[in-house]
């Protein structure tokens, strides 16, 4: 069996995120053998993108709505320090991202643009 990392969203009855309730997630890991790693980092991003072509002219605009990063274990990129040595076993790293106090647009996919949110491990 291989080493496994997974991101699990917290159970919510309302299925809606707001600044009042932080975005809660946990990173789960099952290690079947020893593993050396620099760290575990999670990023939350939100991006709007519009692209319209009119004849030979293209109008292109991007807007960042969210860009958060959390170091759950070890060190981040470009930070000095020793690697983390994970022994075989199960690990849980709970964390949360605060959402901005202003409204965020909903996810959207269209012919001329999109609004996307994603979580990266």
PDB file of N, CA and C in Angstrom:
ATOM      1  N   UNK A   1       0.841  -1.192   0.000  1.00  0.00           N
ATOM      2  CA  UNK A   1       0.000   0.000   0.000  1.00  0.00           C
ATOM      3  C   UNK A   1       0.884   1.253   0.000  1.00  0.00           C
ATOM      4  N   UNK A   2       0.488   2.251  -0.724  1.00  0.00           N
ATOM      5  CA  UNK A   2       1.270   3.482  -0.866  1.00  0.00           C
ATOM      6  C   UNK A   2       0.918   4.480   0.235  1.00  0.00           C
ATOM      7  N   UNK A   3       1.807   5.453   0.419  1.00  0.00           N
ATOM      8  CA  UNK A   3       1.498   6.561   1.318  1.00  0.00           C
ATOM      9  C   UNK A   3       0.381   7.383   0.700  1.00  0.00           C
ATOM     10  N   UNK A   4      -0.577   7.819   1.526  1.00  0.00           N
ATOM     11  CA  UNK A   4      -1.754   8.529   1.020  1.00  0.00           C
ATOM     12  C   UNK A   4      -1.910   9.861   1.745  1.00  0.00           C
ATOM     13  N   UNK A   5      -2.172  10.926   0.987  1.00  0.00           N
ATOM     14  CA  UNK A   5      -2.547  12.222   1.532  1.00  0.00           C
ATOM     15  C   UNK A   5      -3.908  12.579   0.956  1.00  0.00           C
ATOM     16  N   UNK A   6      -4.812  13.081   1.778  1.00  0.00           N
ATOM     17  CA  UNK A   6      -6.146  13.472   1.309  1.00  0.00           C
ATOM     18  C   UNK A   6      -6.581  14.735   2.043  1.00  0.00           C
ATOM     19  N   UNK A   7      -7.400  15.540   1.374  1.00  0.00           N
ATOM     20  CA  UNK A   7      -7.975  16.742   1.971  1.00  0.00           C
ATOM     21  C   UNK A   7      -9.463  16.475   2.162  1.00  0.00           C
ATOM     22  N   UNK A   8      -9.949  16.703   3.374  1.00  0.00           N
ATOM     23  CA  UNK A   8     -11.352  16.437   3.708  1.00  0.00           C
ATOM     24  C   UNK A   8     -11.996  17.726   4.196  1.00  0.00           C
ATOM     25  N   UNK A   9     -13.089  18.127   3.538  1.00  0.00           N
ATOM     26  CA  UNK A   9     -13.834  19.305   3.995  1.00  0.00           C
ATOM     27  C   UNK A   9     -14.663  18.932   5.210  1.00  0.00           C
ATOM     28  N   UNK A  10     -14.799  19.866   6.145  1.00  0.00           N
ATOM     29  CA  UNK A  10     -15.616  19.622   7.328  1.00  0.00           C
ATOM     30  C   UNK A  10     -17.075  19.468   6.922  1.00  0.00           C
ATOM     31  N   UNK A  11     -17.773  18.567   7.600  1.00  0.00           N
ATOM     32  CA  UNK A  11     -19.202  18.364   7.319  1.00  0.00           C
ATOM     33  C   UNK A  11     -19.970  19.633   7.667  1.00  0.00           C
ATOM     34  N   UNK A  12     -20.836  20.043   6.751  1.00  0.00           N
ATOM     35  CA  UNK A  12     -21.667  21.236   6.974  1.00  0.00           C
ATOM     36  C   UNK A  12     -23.092  20.895   6.579  1.00  0.00           C
ATOM     37  N   UNK A  13     -24.023  21.293   7.393  1.00  0.00           N
ATOM     38  CA  UNK A  13     -25.420  21.033   7.061  1.00  0.00           C
ATOM     39  C   UNK A  13     -25.956  22.062   6.073  1.00  0.00           C
ATOM     40  N   UNK A  14     -25.426  23.285   6.114  1.00  0.00           N
ATOM     41  CA  UNK A  14     -25.953  24.345   5.250  1.00  0.00           C
ATOM     42  C   UNK A  14     -25.289  24.397   3.871  1.00  0.00           C
ATOM     43  N   UNK A  15     -24.153  23.716   3.663  1.00  0.00           N
ATOM     44  CA  UNK A  15     -23.441  23.680   2.377  1.00  0.00           C
ATOM     45  C   UNK A  15     -23.087  25.073   1.857  1.00  0.00           C
ATOM     46  N   UNK A  16     -22.963  26.021   2.758  1.00  0.00           N
ATOM     47  CA  UNK A  16     -22.690  27.403   2.372  1.00  0.00           C
ATOM     48  C   UNK A  16     -21.547  27.929   3.232  1.00  0.00           C
ATOM     49  N   UNK A  17     -20.651  28.689   2.639  1.00  0.00           N
ATOM     50  CA  UNK A  17     -19.525  29.253   3.368  1.00  0.00           C
ATOM     51  C   UNK A  17     -19.716  30.756   3.495  1.00  0.00           C
ATOM     52  N   UNK A  18     -19.354  31.294   4.657  1.00  0.00           N
ATOM     53  CA  UNK A  18     -19.484  32.730   4.889  1.00  0.00           C
ATOM     54  C   UNK A  18     -18.374  33.173   5.833  1.00  0.00           C
ATOM     55  N   UNK A  19     -18.128  34.486   5.918  1.00  0.00           N
ATOM     56  CA  UNK A  19     -17.084  34.985   6.818  1.00  0.00           C
ATOM     57  C   UNK A  19     -17.356  34.652   8.287  1.00  0.00           C
ATOM     58  N   UNK A  20     -18.612  34.443   8.640  1.00  0.00           N
ATOM     59  CA  UNK A  20     -18.961  34.141  10.025  1.00  0.00           C
ATOM     60  C   UNK A  20     -18.429  32.761  10.424  1.00  0.00           C
ATOM     61  N   UNK A  21     -18.442  31.817   9.482  1.00  0.00           N
ATOM     62  CA  UNK A  21     -17.976  30.456   9.737  1.00  0.00           C
ATOM     63  C   UNK A  21     -16.735  30.194   8.885  1.00  0.00           C
ATOM     64  N   UNK A  22     -15.565  30.063   9.509  1.00  0.00           N
ATOM     65  CA  UNK A  22     -14.353  29.831   8.723  1.00  0.00           C
ATOM     66  C   UNK A  22     -14.447  28.537   7.907  1.00  0.00           C
ATOM     67  N   UNK A  23     -13.706  28.491   6.843  1.00  0.00           N
ATOM     68  CA  UNK A  23     -13.624  27.348   5.953  1.00  0.00           C
ATOM     69  C   UNK A  23     -12.760  26.300   6.651  1.00  0.00           C
ATOM     70  N   UNK A  24     -13.368  25.230   7.169  1.00  0.00           N
ATOM     71  CA  UNK A  24     -12.647  24.238   7.963  1.00  0.00           C
ATOM     72  C   UNK A  24     -12.364  22.984   7.140  1.00  0.00           C
ATOM     73  N   UNK A  25     -11.116  22.548   7.230  1.00  0.00           N
ATOM     74  CA  UNK A  25     -10.641  21.418   6.438  1.00  0.00           C
ATOM     75  C   UNK A  25      -9.652  20.635   7.295  1.00  0.00           C
ATOM     76  N   UNK A  26      -9.446  19.383   6.930  1.00  0.00           N
ATOM     77  CA  UNK A  26      -8.352  18.650   7.554  1.00  0.00           C
ATOM     78  C   UNK A  26      -7.624  17.850   6.488  1.00  0.00           C
ATOM     79  N   UNK A  27      -6.343  17.744   6.679  1.00  0.00           N
ATOM     80  CA  UNK A  27      -5.492  16.951   5.808  1.00  0.00           C
ATOM     81  C   UNK A  27      -5.249  15.634   6.530  1.00  0.00           C
ATOM     82  N   UNK A  28      -5.568  14.528   5.883  1.00  0.00           N
ATOM     83  CA  UNK A  28      -5.387  13.201   6.462  1.00  0.00           C
ATOM     84  C   UNK A  28      -4.272  12.488   5.719  1.00  0.00           C
ATOM     85  N   UNK A  29      -3.486  11.742   6.452  1.00  0.00           N
ATOM     86  CA  UNK A  29      -2.395  11.012   5.827  1.00  0.00           C
ATOM     87  C   UNK A  29      -2.263   9.643   6.463  1.00  0.00           C
ATOM     88  N   UNK A  30      -2.100   8.636   5.640  1.00  0.00           N
ATOM     89  CA  UNK A  30      -1.792   7.286   6.089  1.00  0.00           C
ATOM     90  C   UNK A  30      -0.432   6.920   5.518  1.00  0.00           C
ATOM     91  N   UNK A  31       0.526   6.684   6.395  1.00  0.00           N
ATOM     92  CA  UNK A  31       1.884   6.357   5.981  1.00  0.00           C
ATOM     93  C   UNK A  31       2.137   4.879   6.235  1.00  0.00           C
ATOM     94  N   UNK A  32       2.531   4.152   5.207  1.00  0.00           N
ATOM     95  CA  UNK A  32       2.843   2.732   5.350  1.00  0.00           C
ATOM     96  C   UNK A  32       4.331   2.500   5.559  1.00  0.00           C
ATOM     97  N   UNK A  33       5.123   3.538   5.299  1.00  0.00           N
ATOM     98  CA  UNK A  33       6.561   3.454   5.508  1.00  0.00           C
ATOM     99  C   UNK A  33       7.074   4.832   5.910  1.00  0.00           C
ATOM    100  N   UNK A  34       8.296   4.894   6.397  1.00  0.00           N
ATOM    101  CA  UNK A  34       8.889   6.176   6.778  1.00  0.00           C
ATOM    102  C   UNK A  34       8.927   7.093   5.564  1.00  0.00           C
ATOM    103  N   UNK A  35       8.735   8.387   5.817  1.00  0.00           N
ATOM    104  CA  UNK A  35       8.749   9.343   4.723  1.00  0.00           C
ATOM    105  C   UNK A  35       9.406  10.636   5.187  1.00  0.00           C
ATOM    106  N   UNK A  36      10.351  11.146   4.386  1.00  0.00           N
ATOM    107  CA  UNK A  36      10.960  12.446   4.640  1.00  0.00           C
ATOM    108  C   UNK A  36      10.286  13.459   3.735  1.00  0.00           C
ATOM    109  N   UNK A  37       9.883  14.577   4.311  1.00  0.00           N
ATOM    110  CA  UNK A  37       9.307  15.639   3.487  1.00  0.00           C
ATOM    111  C   UNK A  37       9.658  16.991   4.043  1.00  0.00           C
ATOM    112  N   UNK A  38       9.677  17.961   3.131  1.00  0.00           N
ATOM    113  CA  UNK A  38       9.994  19.342   3.513  1.00  0.00           C
ATOM    114  C   UNK A  38       8.890  19.910   4.385  1.00  0.00           C
ATOM    115  N   UNK A  39       7.639  19.628   4.004  1.00  0.00           N
ATOM    116  CA  UNK A  39       6.512  20.132   4.760  1.00  0.00           C
ATOM    117  C   UNK A  39       5.215  19.802   4.069  1.00  0.00           C
ATOM    118  N   UNK A  40       4.132  20.153   4.732  1.00  0.00           N
ATOM    119  CA  UNK A  40       2.796  19.993   4.164  1.00  0.00           C
ATOM    120  C   UNK A  40       2.170  21.382   4.109  1.00  0.00           C
ATOM    121  N   UNK A  41       1.832  21.809   2.888  1.00  0.00           N
ATOM    122  CA  UNK A  41       1.282  23.142   2.674  1.00  0.00           C
ATOM    123  C   UNK A  41      -0.061  23.005   1.964  1.00  0.00           C
ATOM    124  N   UNK A  42      -1.017  23.823   2.388  1.00  0.00           N
ATOM    125  CA  UNK A  42      -2.333  23.846   1.756  1.00  0.00           C
ATOM    126  C   UNK A  42      -2.604  25.265   1.285  1.00  0.00           C
ATOM    127  N   UNK A  43      -3.169  25.382   0.072  1.00  0.00           N
ATOM    128  CA  UNK A  43      -3.491  26.695  -0.493  1.00  0.00           C
ATOM    129  C   UNK A  43      -4.955  26.718  -0.920  1.00  0.00           C
ATOM    130  N   UNK A  44      -5.602  27.849  -0.690  1.00  0.00           N
ATOM    131  CA  UNK A  44      -6.973  28.084  -1.138  1.00  0.00           C
ATOM    132  C   UNK A  44      -6.944  29.273  -2.092  1.00  0.00           C
ATOM    133  N   UNK A  45      -7.481  29.085  -3.289  1.00  0.00           N
ATOM    134  CA  UNK A  45      -7.446  30.131  -4.314  1.00  0.00           C
ATOM    135  C   UNK A  45      -8.834  30.362  -4.898  1.00  0.00           C
ATOM    136  N   UNK A  46      -9.080  31.581  -5.307  1.00  0.00           N
ATOM    137  CA  UNK A  46     -10.287  31.940  -6.040  1.00  0.00           C
ATOM    138  C   UNK A  46      -9.906  32.930  -7.134  1.00  0.00           C
ATOM    139  N   UNK A  47     -10.342  32.653  -8.371  1.00  0.00           N
ATOM    140  CA  UNK A  47      -9.932  33.481  -9.501  1.00  0.00           C
ATOM    141  C   UNK A  47     -11.089  33.662 -10.474  1.00  0.00           C
ATOM    142  N   UNK A  48     -11.293  34.893 -10.906  1.00  0.00           N
ATOM    143  CA  UNK A  48     -12.246  35.189 -11.966  1.00  0.00           C
ATOM    144  C   UNK A  48     -11.487  35.497 -13.243  1.00  0.00           C
ATOM    145  N   UNK A  49     -12.009  35.023 -14.366  1.00  0.00           N
ATOM    146  CA  UNK A  49     -11.335  35.231 -15.639  1.00  0.00           C
ATOM    147  C   UNK A  49     -12.378  35.507 -16.716  1.00  0.00           C
ATOM    148  N   UNK A  50     -12.178  36.577 -17.466  1.00  0.00           N
ATOM    149  CA  UNK A  50     -13.068  36.937 -18.569  1.00  0.00           C
ATOM    150  C   UNK A  50     -12.211  37.089 -19.820  1.00  0.00           C
ATOM    151  N   UNK A  51     -12.707  36.529 -20.941  1.00  0.00           N
ATOM    152  CA  UNK A  51     -12.006  36.655 -22.223  1.00  0.00           C
ATOM    153  C   UNK A  51     -13.043  36.839 -23.320  1.00  0.00           C
ATOM    154  N   UNK A  52     -12.963  37.997 -23.994  1.00  0.00           N
ATOM    155  CA  UNK A  52     -13.907  38.323 -25.066  1.00  0.00           C
ATOM    156  C   UNK A  52     -13.103  38.707 -26.306  1.00  0.00           C
ATOM    157  N   UNK A  53     -13.457  38.122 -27.423  1.00  0.00           N
ATOM    158  CA  UNK A  53     -12.812  38.457 -28.698  1.00  0.00           C
ATOM    159  C   UNK A  53     -13.778  39.254 -29.551  1.00  0.00           C
ATOM    160  N   UNK A  54     -13.276  40.339 -30.089  1.00  0.00           N
ATOM    161  CA  UNK A  54     -14.069  41.180 -30.978  1.00  0.00           C
ATOM    162  C   UNK A  54     -13.213  41.487 -32.196  1.00  0.00           C
ATOM    163  N   UNK A  55     -13.465  40.748 -33.262  1.00  0.00           N
ATOM    164  CA  UNK A  55     -12.612  40.916 -34.445  1.00  0.00           C
ATOM    165  C   UNK A  55     -11.210  40.451 -34.146  1.00  0.00           C
ATOM    166  N   UNK A  56     -10.254  41.344 -34.347  1.00  0.00           N
ATOM    167  CA  UNK A  56      -8.855  40.997 -34.078  1.00  0.00           C
ATOM    168  C   UNK A  56      -8.417  41.377 -32.663  1.00  0.00           C
ATOM    169  N   UNK A  57      -9.312  41.964 -31.891  1.00  0.00           N
ATOM    170  CA  UNK A  57      -8.971  42.427 -30.544  1.00  0.00           C
ATOM    171  C   UNK A  57      -9.502  41.422 -29.516  1.00  0.00           C
ATOM    172  N   UNK A  58      -8.661  41.096 -28.534  1.00  0.00           N
ATOM    173  CA  UNK A  58      -9.075  40.216 -27.434  1.00  0.00           C
ATOM    174  C   UNK A  58      -8.967  40.989 -26.134  1.00  0.00           C
ATOM    175  N   UNK A  59     -10.051  40.996 -25.396  1.00  0.00           N
ATOM    176  CA  UNK A  59     -10.074  41.610 -24.063  1.00  0.00           C
ATOM    177  C   UNK A  59      -9.952  40.480 -23.054  1.00  0.00           C
ATOM    178  N   UNK A  60      -8.965  40.586 -22.189  1.00  0.00           N
ATOM    179  CA  UNK A  60      -8.677  39.520 -21.238  1.00  0.00           C
ATOM    180  C   UNK A  60      -8.452  40.144 -19.863  1.00  0.00           C
ATOM    181  N   UNK A  61      -9.173  39.665 -18.867  1.00  0.00           N
ATOM    182  CA  UNK A  61      -9.042  40.223 -17.518  1.00  0.00           C
ATOM    183  C   UNK A  61      -9.131  39.102 -16.503  1.00  0.00           C
ATOM    184  N   UNK A  62      -8.239  39.137 -15.502  1.00  0.00           N
ATOM    185  CA  UNK A  62      -8.263  38.189 -14.391  1.00  0.00           C
ATOM    186  C   UNK A  62      -8.352  38.958 -13.089  1.00  0.00           C
ATOM    187  N   UNK A  63      -9.079  38.375 -12.137  1.00  0.00           N
ATOM    188  CA  UNK A  63      -9.204  38.997 -10.817  1.00  0.00           C
ATOM    189  C   UNK A  63      -9.085  37.918  -9.753  1.00  0.00           C
ATOM    190  N   UNK A  64      -8.213  38.159  -8.776  1.00  0.00           N
ATOM    191  CA  UNK A  64      -8.020  37.220  -7.681  1.00  0.00           C
ATOM    192  C   UNK A  64      -8.982  37.562  -6.554  1.00  0.00           C
ATOM    193  N   UNK A  65      -9.769  36.569  -6.129  1.00  0.00           N
ATOM    194  CA  UNK A  65     -10.714  36.758  -5.032  1.00  0.00           C
ATOM    195  C   UNK A  65     -10.175  36.213  -3.719  1.00  0.00           C
ATOM    196  N   UNK A  66      -9.424  35.124  -3.786  1.00  0.00           N
ATOM    197  CA  UNK A  66      -8.831  34.501  -2.600  1.00  0.00           C
ATOM    198  C   UNK A  66      -7.427  34.020  -2.929  1.00  0.00           C
ATOM    199  N   UNK A  67      -6.547  34.093  -1.958  1.00  0.00           N
ATOM    200  CA  UNK A  67      -5.216  33.506  -2.092  1.00  0.00           C
ATOM    201  C   UNK A  67      -4.645  33.350  -0.684  1.00  0.00           C
ATOM    202  N   UNK A  68      -4.898  32.184  -0.088  1.00  0.00           N
ATOM    203  CA  UNK A  68      -4.434  31.894   1.269  1.00  0.00           C
ATOM    204  C   UNK A  68      -3.509  30.688   1.235  1.00  0.00           C
ATOM    205  N   UNK A  69      -2.599  30.661   2.187  1.00  0.00           N
ATOM    206  CA  UNK A  69      -1.673  29.541   2.307  1.00  0.00           C
ATOM    207  C   UNK A  69      -1.505  29.206   3.783  1.00  0.00           C
ATOM    208  N   UNK A  70      -1.444  27.918   4.109  1.00  0.00           N
ATOM    209  CA  UNK A  70      -1.191  27.472   5.479  1.00  0.00           C
ATOM    210  C   UNK A  70      -0.126  26.381   5.443  1.00  0.00           C
ATOM    211  N   UNK A  71       0.887  26.517   6.284  1.00  0.00           N
ATOM    212  CA  UNK A  71       1.894  25.479   6.443  1.00  0.00           C
ATOM    213  C   UNK A  71       1.419  24.618   7.611  1.00  0.00           C
ATOM    214  N   UNK A  72       1.071  23.363   7.327  1.00  0.00           N
ATOM    215  CA  UNK A  72       0.530  22.480   8.353  1.00  0.00           C
ATOM    216  C   UNK A  72       1.611  21.734   9.111  1.00  0.00           C
ATOM    217  N   UNK A  73       2.718  21.518   8.454  1.00  0.00           N
ATOM    218  CA  UNK A  73       3.788  20.740   9.065  1.00  0.00           C
ATOM    219  C   UNK A  73       5.087  21.098   8.365  1.00  0.00           C
ATOM    220  N   UNK A  74       6.153  21.241   9.129  1.00  0.00           N
ATOM    221  CA  UNK A  74       7.458  21.491   8.532  1.00  0.00           C
ATOM    222  C   UNK A  74       7.639  22.926   8.093  1.00  0.00           C
ATOM    223  N   UNK A  75       8.193  23.095   6.912  1.00  0.00           N
ATOM    224  CA  UNK A  75       8.528  24.431   6.420  1.00  0.00           C
ATOM    225  C   UNK A  75       7.962  24.646   5.030  1.00  0.00           C
ATOM    226  N   UNK A  76       7.841  25.888   4.669  1.00  0.00           N
ATOM    227  CA  UNK A  76       7.331  26.247   3.357  1.00  0.00           C
ATOM    228  C   UNK A  76       8.455  26.399   2.351  1.00  0.00           C
ATOM    229  N   UNK A  77       8.092  26.721   1.109  1.00  0.00           N
ATOM    230  CA  UNK A  77       9.119  26.933   0.089  1.00  0.00           C
ATOM    231  C   UNK A  77      10.049  28.074   0.484  1.00  0.00           C
ATOM    232  N   UNK A  78      11.288  27.927   0.180  1.00  0.00           N
ATOM    233  CA  UNK A  78      12.312  28.948   0.405  1.00  0.00           C
ATOM    234  C   UNK A  78      12.588  29.203   1.881  1.00  0.00           C
ATOM    235  N   UNK A  79      12.087  28.334   2.772  1.00  0.00           N
ATOM    236  CA  UNK A  79      12.418  28.442   4.193  1.00  0.00           C
ATOM    237  C   UNK A  79      13.495  27.417   4.516  1.00  0.00           C
ATOM    238  N   UNK A  80      14.405  27.795   5.397  1.00  0.00           N
ATOM    239  CA  UNK A  80      15.464  26.859   5.765  1.00  0.00           C
ATOM    240  C   UNK A  80      14.987  25.985   6.925  1.00  0.00           C
ATOM    241  N   UNK A  81      15.693  24.917   7.162  1.00  0.00           N
ATOM    242  CA  UNK A  81      15.355  24.010   8.248  1.00  0.00           C
ATOM    243  C   UNK A  81      15.469  22.570   7.800  1.00  0.00           C
ATOM    244  N   UNK A  82      15.235  21.683   8.738  1.00  0.00           N
ATOM    245  CA  UNK A  82      15.358  20.259   8.464  1.00  0.00           C
ATOM    246  C   UNK A  82      14.051  19.684   7.926  1.00  0.00           C
ATOM    247  N   UNK A  83      14.182  18.594   7.201  1.00  0.00           N
ATOM    248  CA  UNK A  83      12.996  17.878   6.729  1.00  0.00           C
ATOM    249  C   UNK A  83      12.284  17.224   7.907  1.00  0.00           C
ATOM    250  N   UNK A  84      11.014  16.943   7.712  1.00  0.00           N
ATOM    251  CA  UNK A  84      10.201  16.244   8.710  1.00  0.00           C
ATOM    252  C   UNK A  84      10.255  14.765   8.385  1.00  0.00           C
ATOM    253  N   UNK A  85      10.417  13.941   9.410  1.00  0.00           N
ATOM    254  CA  UNK A  85      10.440  12.495   9.214  1.00  0.00           C
ATOM    255  C   UNK A  85       9.141  11.917   9.776  1.00  0.00           C
ATOM    256  N   UNK A  86       8.266  11.460   8.883  1.00  0.00           N
ATOM    257  CA  UNK A  86       7.008  10.835   9.314  1.00  0.00           C
ATOM    258  C   UNK A  86       7.209   9.338   9.442  1.00  0.00           C
ATOM    259  N   UNK A  87       6.851   8.811  10.587  1.00  0.00           N
ATOM    260  CA  UNK A  87       6.890   7.373  10.823  1.00  0.00           C
ATOM    261  C   UNK A  87       5.603   6.759  10.280  1.00  0.00           C
ATOM    262  N   UNK A  88       5.564   5.447  10.037  1.00  0.00           N
ATOM    263  CA  UNK A  88       4.318   4.817   9.593  1.00  0.00           C
ATOM    264  C   UNK A  88       3.199   5.068  10.602  1.00  0.00           C
ATOM    265  N   UNK A  89       1.999   5.327  10.084  1.00  0.00           N
ATOM    266  CA  UNK A  89       0.846   5.592  10.951  1.00  0.00           C
ATOM    267  C   UNK A  89      -0.148   6.510  10.271  1.00  0.00           C
ATOM    268  N   UNK A  90      -1.162   6.917  11.038  1.00  0.00           N
ATOM    269  CA  UNK A  90      -2.213   7.817  10.554  1.00  0.00           C
ATOM    270  C   UNK A  90      -2.012   9.188  11.164  1.00  0.00           C
ATOM    271  N   UNK A  91      -2.192  10.225  10.342  1.00  0.00           N
ATOM    272  CA  UNK A  91      -2.011  11.606  10.786  1.00  0.00           C
ATOM    273  C   UNK A  91      -3.204  12.437  10.349  1.00  0.00           C
ATOM    274  N   UNK A  92      -3.599  13.382  11.207  1.00  0.00           N
ATOM    275  CA  UNK A  92      -4.648  14.358  10.887  1.00  0.00           C
ATOM    276  C   UNK A  92      -4.120  15.745  11.185  1.00  0.00           C
ATOM    277  N   UNK A  93      -4.274  16.663  10.242  1.00  0.00           N
ATOM    278  CA  UNK A  93      -3.840  18.042  10.410  1.00  0.00           C
ATOM    279  C   UNK A  93      -5.049  18.947  10.185  1.00  0.00           C
ATOM    280  N   UNK A  94      -5.795  19.303  11.239  1.00  0.00           N
ATOM    281  CA  UNK A  94      -6.935  20.207  11.030  1.00  0.00           C
ATOM    282  C   UNK A  94      -6.453  21.643  10.830  1.00  0.00           C
ATOM    283  N   UNK A  95      -7.154  22.381   9.993  1.00  0.00           N
ATOM    284  CA  UNK A  95      -6.825  23.782   9.773  1.00  0.00           C
ATOM    285  C   UNK A  95      -8.063  24.501   9.272  1.00  0.00           C
ATOM    286  N   UNK A  96      -7.993  25.810   9.252  1.00  0.00           N
ATOM    287  CA  UNK A  96      -9.105  26.602   8.730  1.00  0.00           C
ATOM    288  C   UNK A  96      -8.575  27.852   8.054  1.00  0.00           C
ATOM    289  N   UNK A  97      -9.328  28.303   7.057  1.00  0.00           N
ATOM    290  CA  UNK A  97      -9.035  29.548   6.365  1.00  0.00           C
ATOM    291  C   UNK A  97     -10.151  30.526   6.681  1.00  0.00           C
ATOM    292  N   UNK A  98      -9.814  31.753   7.099  1.00  0.00           N
ATOM    293  CA  UNK A  98     -10.871  32.755   7.255  1.00  0.00           C
ATOM    294  C   UNK A  98     -11.289  33.256   5.878  1.00  0.00           C
ATOM    295  N   UNK A  99     -12.557  33.435   5.691  1.00  0.00           N
ATOM    296  CA  UNK A  99     -13.035  34.016   4.436  1.00  0.00           C
ATOM    297  C   UNK A  99     -13.097  35.528   4.592  1.00  0.00           C
ATOM    298  N   UNK A 100     -12.877  36.284   3.525  1.00  0.00           N
ATOM    299  CA  UNK A 100     -12.881  37.746   3.632  1.00  0.00           C
ATOM    300  C   UNK A 100     -14.257  38.262   4.029  1.00  0.00           C
ATOM    301  N   UNK A 101     -14.306  39.423   4.687  1.00  0.00           N
ATOM    302  CA  UNK A 101     -15.578  39.964   5.153  1.00  0.00           C
ATOM    303  C   UNK A 101     -16.506  40.439   4.032  1.00  0.00           C
ATOM    304  N   UNK A 102     -15.981  40.636   2.834  1.00  0.00           N
ATOM    305  CA  UNK A 102     -16.818  41.072   1.720  1.00  0.00           C
ATOM    306  C   UNK A 102     -17.376  39.850   0.984  1.00  0.00           C
ATOM    307  N   UNK A 103     -18.396  40.058   0.227  1.00  0.00           N
ATOM    308  CA  UNK A 103     -19.034  38.962  -0.515  1.00  0.00           C
ATOM    309  C   UNK A 103     -18.119  38.449  -1.623  1.00  0.00           C
ATOM    310  N   UNK A 104     -18.190  37.146  -1.846  1.00  0.00           N
ATOM    311  CA  UNK A 104     -17.447  36.516  -2.931  1.00  0.00           C
ATOM    312  C   UNK A 104     -18.434  36.040  -3.988  1.00  0.00           C
ATOM    313  N   UNK A 105     -18.081  36.150  -5.260  1.00  0.00           N
ATOM    314  CA  UNK A 105     -18.989  35.637  -6.301  1.00  0.00           C
ATOM    315  C   UNK A 105     -19.047  34.109  -6.252  1.00  0.00           C
ATOM    316  N   UNK A 106     -20.157  33.545  -6.676  1.00  0.00           N
ATOM    317  CA  UNK A 106     -20.290  32.098  -6.724  1.00  0.00           C
ATOM    318  C   UNK A 106     -19.468  31.535  -7.879  1.00  0.00           C
ATOM    319  N   UNK A 107     -19.173  30.253  -7.802  1.00  0.00           N
ATOM    320  CA  UNK A 107     -18.471  29.586  -8.897  1.00  0.00           C
ATOM    321  C   UNK A 107     -19.310  29.678 -10.159  1.00  0.00           C
ATOM    322  N   UNK A 108     -18.627  29.794 -11.297  1.00  0.00           N
ATOM    323  CA  UNK A 108     -19.343  29.999 -12.554  1.00  0.00           C
ATOM    324  C   UNK A 108     -18.468  29.552 -13.713  1.00  0.00           C
ATOM    325  N   UNK A 109     -19.049  28.905 -14.708  1.00  0.00           N
ATOM    326  CA  UNK A 109     -18.368  28.545 -15.951  1.00  0.00           C
ATOM    327  C   UNK A 109     -19.240  29.009 -17.110  1.00  0.00           C
ATOM    328  N   UNK A 110     -18.701  29.821 -18.001  1.00  0.00           N
ATOM    329  CA  UNK A 110     -19.467  30.306 -19.142  1.00  0.00           C
ATOM    330  C   UNK A 110     -18.625  30.392 -20.394  1.00  0.00           C
ATOM    331  N   UNK A 111     -19.255  30.792 -21.493  1.00  0.00           N
ATOM    332  CA  UNK A 111     -18.548  30.905 -22.772  1.00  0.00           C
ATOM    333  C   UNK A 111     -17.463  31.985 -22.749  1.00  0.00           C
ATOM    334  N   UNK A 112     -17.666  33.027 -21.967  1.00  0.00           N
ATOM    335  CA  UNK A 112     -16.744  34.161 -21.979  1.00  0.00           C
ATOM    336  C   UNK A 112     -15.946  34.321 -20.693  1.00  0.00           C
ATOM    337  N   UNK A 113     -16.115  33.405 -19.748  1.00  0.00           N
ATOM    338  CA  UNK A 113     -15.358  33.539 -18.524  1.00  0.00           C
ATOM    339  C   UNK A 113     -15.751  32.522 -17.474  1.00  0.00           C
ATOM    340  N   UNK A 114     -15.103  32.656 -16.323  1.00  0.00           N
ATOM    341  CA  UNK A 114     -15.352  31.734 -15.230  1.00  0.00           C
ATOM    342  C   UNK A 114     -14.978  32.375 -13.905  1.00  0.00           C
ATOM    343  N   UNK A 115     -15.529  31.832 -12.839  1.00  0.00           N
ATOM    344  CA  UNK A 115     -15.103  32.105 -11.466  1.00  0.00           C
ATOM    345  C   UNK A 115     -14.855  30.737 -10.855  1.00  0.00           C
ATOM    346  N   UNK A 116     -13.634  30.487 -10.431  1.00  0.00           N
ATOM    347  CA  UNK A 116     -13.261  29.184  -9.901  1.00  0.00           C
ATOM    348  C   UNK A 116     -12.591  29.317  -8.543  1.00  0.00           C
ATOM    349  N   UNK A 117     -12.866  28.333  -7.683  1.00  0.00           N
ATOM    350  CA  UNK A 117     -12.221  28.215  -6.377  1.00  0.00           C
ATOM    351  C   UNK A 117     -11.600  26.829  -6.292  1.00  0.00           C
ATOM    352  N   UNK A 118     -10.403  26.731  -5.733  1.00  0.00           N
ATOM    353  CA  UNK A 118      -9.790  25.432  -5.589  1.00  0.00           C
ATOM    354  C   UNK A 118      -8.875  25.392  -4.370  1.00  0.00           C
ATOM    355  N   UNK A 119      -8.698  24.189  -3.888  1.00  0.00           N
ATOM    356  CA  UNK A 119      -7.867  23.909  -2.729  1.00  0.00           C
ATOM    357  C   UNK A 119      -6.741  22.988  -3.183  1.00  0.00           C
ATOM    358  N   UNK A 120      -5.511  23.343  -2.869  1.00  0.00           N
ATOM    359  CA  UNK A 120      -4.346  22.541  -3.294  1.00  0.00           C
ATOM    360  C   UNK A 120      -3.584  22.062  -2.078  1.00  0.00           C
ATOM    361  N   UNK A 121      -3.092  20.848  -2.160  1.00  0.00           N
ATOM    362  CA  UNK A 121      -2.269  20.273  -1.083  1.00  0.00           C
ATOM    363  C   UNK A 121      -0.857  20.141  -1.595  1.00  0.00           C
TER     364      UNK A 121
END
